[in-house]
N, C-alpha and C. Protein backbone atom coordinates (compact mmCIF):
# COMPACT_ATOMS: atom_id res chain seq x y z
N UNK A 1 -38.23 1.18 10.23
CA UNK A 1 -36.92 0.81 10.58
C UNK A 1 -36.29 1.91 11.46
N UNK A 2 -35.57 1.46 12.47
CA UNK A 2 -34.93 2.40 13.37
C UNK A 2 -33.56 2.76 12.83
N UNK A 3 -33.20 4.03 12.97
CA UNK A 3 -31.85 4.44 12.58
C UNK A 3 -31.03 4.74 13.79
N UNK A 4 -29.76 4.61 13.63
CA UNK A 4 -28.85 4.91 14.72
C UNK A 4 -28.46 6.37 14.64
N UNK A 5 -29.18 7.25 15.29
CA UNK A 5 -28.91 8.69 15.20
C UNK A 5 -29.71 9.31 14.07
N UNK A 6 -29.92 10.61 14.18
CA UNK A 6 -30.73 11.30 13.18
C UNK A 6 -29.90 11.56 11.93
N UNK A 7 -30.56 11.67 10.80
CA UNK A 7 -29.86 11.90 9.53
C UNK A 7 -29.39 13.33 9.36
N UNK A 8 -29.89 14.24 10.26
CA UNK A 8 -29.43 15.62 10.17
C UNK A 8 -27.99 15.76 10.68
N UNK A 9 -27.55 14.80 11.49
CA UNK A 9 -26.16 14.88 12.02
C UNK A 9 -25.18 14.09 11.13
N UNK A 10 -25.62 13.58 9.98
CA UNK A 10 -24.74 12.79 9.14
C UNK A 10 -23.62 13.69 8.56
N UNK A 11 -22.40 13.18 8.66
CA UNK A 11 -21.24 13.90 8.16
C UNK A 11 -20.75 15.03 9.06
N UNK A 12 -21.15 15.03 10.33
CA UNK A 12 -20.82 16.12 11.23
C UNK A 12 -19.30 16.14 11.55
N UNK A 13 -18.76 15.01 11.85
CA UNK A 13 -17.34 14.95 12.23
C UNK A 13 -16.47 15.22 11.04
N UNK A 14 -16.80 14.69 9.87
CA UNK A 14 -15.96 14.92 8.72
C UNK A 14 -15.98 16.38 8.31
N UNK A 15 -17.12 17.03 8.47
CA UNK A 15 -17.22 18.45 8.15
C UNK A 15 -16.42 19.30 9.12
N UNK A 16 -16.25 18.87 10.35
CA UNK A 16 -15.52 19.66 11.37
C UNK A 16 -14.02 19.51 11.29
N UNK A 17 -13.54 18.41 10.72
CA UNK A 17 -12.10 18.22 10.69
C UNK A 17 -11.45 19.12 9.68
N UNK A 18 -10.27 19.71 10.04
CA UNK A 18 -9.59 20.59 9.08
C UNK A 18 -9.05 19.86 7.90
N UNK A 19 -9.01 20.55 6.76
CA UNK A 19 -8.49 19.94 5.52
C UNK A 19 -6.96 19.85 5.61
N UNK A 20 -6.39 18.71 5.34
CA UNK A 20 -4.97 18.53 5.34
C UNK A 20 -4.55 18.21 3.95
N UNK A 21 -3.59 18.96 3.41
CA UNK A 21 -3.08 18.71 2.08
C UNK A 21 -2.23 17.46 2.06
N UNK A 22 -2.43 16.61 1.06
CA UNK A 22 -1.65 15.41 0.91
C UNK A 22 -0.28 15.69 0.35
N UNK A 23 0.64 14.81 0.66
CA UNK A 23 1.99 14.98 0.10
C UNK A 23 2.01 14.51 -1.37
N UNK A 24 2.81 15.19 -2.16
CA UNK A 24 2.92 14.83 -3.55
C UNK A 24 3.77 13.57 -3.66
N UNK A 25 3.29 12.55 -4.42
CA UNK A 25 4.01 11.34 -4.56
C UNK A 25 5.02 11.48 -5.71
N UNK A 26 6.27 11.27 -5.35
CA UNK A 26 7.31 11.38 -6.38
C UNK A 26 7.83 10.01 -6.69
N UNK A 27 7.62 9.54 -7.90
CA UNK A 27 8.04 8.22 -8.31
C UNK A 27 9.52 8.17 -8.65
N UNK A 28 10.05 6.96 -8.73
CA UNK A 28 11.48 6.84 -9.08
C UNK A 28 11.64 6.98 -10.61
N UNK A 29 12.81 7.23 -11.00
CA UNK A 29 13.20 7.30 -12.41
C UNK A 29 13.03 5.90 -13.02
N UNK A 30 12.54 5.82 -14.22
CA UNK A 30 12.28 4.49 -14.80
C UNK A 30 13.55 3.70 -15.02
N UNK A 31 14.65 4.38 -15.38
CA UNK A 31 15.91 3.66 -15.59
C UNK A 31 16.47 3.13 -14.28
N UNK A 32 16.29 3.88 -13.21
CA UNK A 32 16.69 3.40 -11.85
C UNK A 32 15.89 2.22 -11.42
N UNK A 33 14.54 2.27 -11.72
CA UNK A 33 13.71 1.17 -11.36
C UNK A 33 14.08 -0.07 -12.12
N UNK A 34 14.35 0.06 -13.40
CA UNK A 34 14.75 -1.12 -14.22
C UNK A 34 16.07 -1.65 -13.74
N UNK A 35 16.98 -0.80 -13.33
CA UNK A 35 18.30 -1.21 -12.85
C UNK A 35 18.14 -2.04 -11.58
N UNK A 36 17.29 -1.56 -10.64
CA UNK A 36 17.08 -2.27 -9.37
C UNK A 36 16.36 -3.57 -9.60
N UNK A 37 15.41 -3.64 -10.54
CA UNK A 37 14.75 -4.87 -10.88
C UNK A 37 15.71 -5.91 -11.44
N UNK A 38 16.60 -5.45 -12.32
CA UNK A 38 17.60 -6.34 -12.89
C UNK A 38 18.51 -6.90 -11.81
N UNK A 39 18.91 -6.01 -10.92
CA UNK A 39 19.82 -6.44 -9.84
C UNK A 39 19.11 -7.48 -8.94
N UNK A 40 17.84 -7.25 -8.60
CA UNK A 40 17.13 -8.16 -7.77
C UNK A 40 16.95 -9.51 -8.44
N UNK A 41 16.59 -9.52 -9.73
CA UNK A 41 16.25 -10.78 -10.41
C UNK A 41 17.47 -11.57 -10.82
N UNK A 42 18.44 -10.91 -11.40
CA UNK A 42 19.55 -11.65 -12.03
C UNK A 42 20.81 -11.68 -11.18
N UNK A 43 21.16 -10.58 -10.54
CA UNK A 43 22.38 -10.55 -9.75
C UNK A 43 22.16 -11.29 -8.41
N UNK A 44 21.06 -10.94 -7.72
CA UNK A 44 20.77 -11.57 -6.42
C UNK A 44 20.04 -12.88 -6.58
N UNK A 45 19.40 -13.11 -7.73
CA UNK A 45 18.70 -14.36 -8.03
C UNK A 45 17.44 -14.58 -7.19
N UNK A 46 16.74 -13.46 -6.94
CA UNK A 46 15.48 -13.60 -6.15
C UNK A 46 14.33 -14.08 -7.02
N UNK A 47 13.39 -14.81 -6.39
CA UNK A 47 12.26 -15.38 -7.07
C UNK A 47 11.05 -14.48 -6.80
N UNK A 48 10.27 -14.09 -7.82
CA UNK A 48 9.13 -13.26 -7.57
C UNK A 48 7.99 -14.03 -6.92
N UNK A 49 7.11 -13.31 -6.19
CA UNK A 49 5.95 -13.94 -5.60
C UNK A 49 6.07 -14.06 -4.12
N UNK A 50 4.97 -14.44 -3.47
CA UNK A 50 4.91 -14.51 -2.03
C UNK A 50 5.38 -15.88 -1.54
N UNK A 51 5.20 -16.93 -2.29
CA UNK A 51 5.58 -18.25 -1.85
C UNK A 51 6.97 -18.60 -2.33
N UNK A 52 7.93 -17.93 -1.76
CA UNK A 52 9.32 -18.18 -2.14
C UNK A 52 9.79 -19.50 -1.59
N UNK A 53 10.68 -20.19 -2.27
CA UNK A 53 11.08 -21.55 -1.82
C UNK A 53 11.74 -21.50 -0.42
N UNK A 54 12.57 -20.54 -0.14
CA UNK A 54 13.26 -20.52 1.15
C UNK A 54 12.37 -20.01 2.28
N UNK A 55 11.30 -19.36 1.99
CA UNK A 55 10.45 -18.68 3.01
C UNK A 55 9.34 -19.54 3.52
N UNK A 56 9.07 -20.68 2.87
CA UNK A 56 7.90 -21.47 3.28
C UNK A 56 8.09 -22.09 4.63
N UNK A 57 7.02 -22.07 5.41
CA UNK A 57 7.04 -22.74 6.72
C UNK A 57 6.52 -24.14 6.57
N UNK A 58 7.08 -24.99 7.38
CA UNK A 58 6.61 -26.38 7.38
C UNK A 58 5.44 -26.56 8.33
N UNK A 59 4.46 -27.34 7.94
CA UNK A 59 3.32 -27.60 8.82
C UNK A 59 3.74 -28.62 9.88
N UNK A 60 3.15 -28.42 11.04
CA UNK A 60 3.42 -29.36 12.14
C UNK A 60 2.55 -30.58 12.07
């Protein structure tokens, strides 16, 4: 079987790139999240899911 390039060069680019530290993910407060969920569901009356009744497109 033929390979595309030699196996000695495997991982060359990844090894050359400098290491970048990722940002720390800071989550929201659970009480704030519950408050916003309550507001979305009951105050604004939004329906969960992707196929929302008002968002559906009609087929031609």
